[in-house]
Amino acid sequence: MPKAKTHKGARKRVRVSKKGRVKFRHSFTSHLLSSRSSNRLRKLRRRGVACRADEKRILELLGKTRP
């Protein structure tokens, strides 16, 4: 059976923390920022953490398993 390949698009967009949580960059942070409140932009600066339901699917794309 051939080796499973890593999904390159997911690899570029997602990181796995030491505890195995999936972290990602928020969307809506590149341009047209004047219409958004500073409070919202400040929250979008932080890394997002994927919910547990999505983690399994994302980790499969990356070829990893839960620790």
Protein backbone atom coordinates (compact mmCIF):
# COMPACT_ATOMS: atom_id res chain seq x y z
CA MET A 1 0.00 0.00 0.00
CA PRO A 2 1.44 3.42 -0.93
CA LYS A 3 2.24 6.07 1.65
CA ALA A 4 -0.47 8.62 2.37
CA LYS A 5 0.35 12.05 1.04
CA THR A 6 0.07 15.23 3.06
CA HIS A 7 -2.54 17.69 1.80
CA LYS A 8 -0.31 20.63 0.79
CA GLY A 9 -3.06 23.27 1.13
CA ALA A 10 -3.79 22.20 4.70
CA ARG A 11 -0.09 22.08 5.56
CA LYS A 12 0.33 25.73 4.55
CA ARG A 13 -2.66 26.97 6.55
CA VAL A 14 -2.61 24.93 9.75
CA ARG A 15 -0.19 24.17 12.57
CA VAL A 16 -0.43 21.55 15.28
CA SER A 17 0.49 22.60 18.82
CA LYS A 18 2.52 20.46 21.21
CA LYS A 19 -0.66 19.24 22.87
CA GLY A 20 -2.14 18.32 19.49
CA ARG A 21 -4.60 21.18 19.05
CA VAL A 22 -4.98 22.58 15.53
CA LYS A 23 -4.19 26.30 15.18
CA PHE A 24 -4.94 28.51 12.19
CA ARG A 25 -4.86 32.14 11.08
CA HIS A 26 -8.15 34.01 11.07
CA SER A 27 -9.65 35.25 7.84
CA PHE A 28 -10.81 38.85 7.16
CA THR A 29 -7.50 40.41 8.24
CA SER A 30 -5.83 41.41 4.97
CA HIS A 31 -7.61 44.52 3.61
CA LEU A 32 -10.71 46.72 3.99
CA LEU A 33 -10.03 46.91 7.71
CA SER A 34 -11.40 50.42 8.32
CA SER A 35 -14.97 49.13 8.37
CA ARG A 36 -14.19 46.73 11.22
CA SER A 37 -13.96 47.73 14.84
CA SER A 38 -10.61 47.77 16.59
CA ASN A 39 -12.00 45.33 19.14
CA ARG A 40 -12.77 42.80 16.41
CA LEU A 41 -9.40 43.28 14.70
CA ARG A 42 -7.60 42.75 17.99
CA LYS A 43 -9.41 39.43 18.47
CA LEU A 44 -8.63 38.38 14.89
CA ARG A 45 -4.89 38.89 15.47
CA ARG A 46 -4.81 35.87 17.77
CA ARG A 47 -4.49 32.39 16.31
CA GLY A 48 -7.73 30.49 16.03
CA VAL A 49 -8.08 27.00 17.46
CA ALA A 50 -10.14 24.44 15.56
CA CYS A 51 -12.96 22.73 17.43
CA ARG A 52 -12.54 19.09 18.42
CA ALA A 53 -15.00 17.95 15.75
CA ASP A 54 -12.84 19.39 12.96
CA GLU A 55 -9.50 18.32 14.44
CA LYS A 56 -9.80 14.68 13.40
CA ARG A 57 -10.49 15.62 9.77
CA ILE A 58 -7.66 18.15 9.63
CA LEU A 59 -5.15 15.78 11.22
CA GLU A 60 -6.04 13.14 8.62
CA LEU A 61 -5.19 15.65 5.88
CA LEU A 62 -1.84 16.28 7.54
CA GLY A 63 -1.12 12.58 7.95
CA LYS A 64 -0.96 12.84 11.75
CA THR A 65 -2.76 11.16 14.61
CA ARG A 66 -3.90 12.48 17.98
CA PRO A 67 -1.23 12.17 20.71
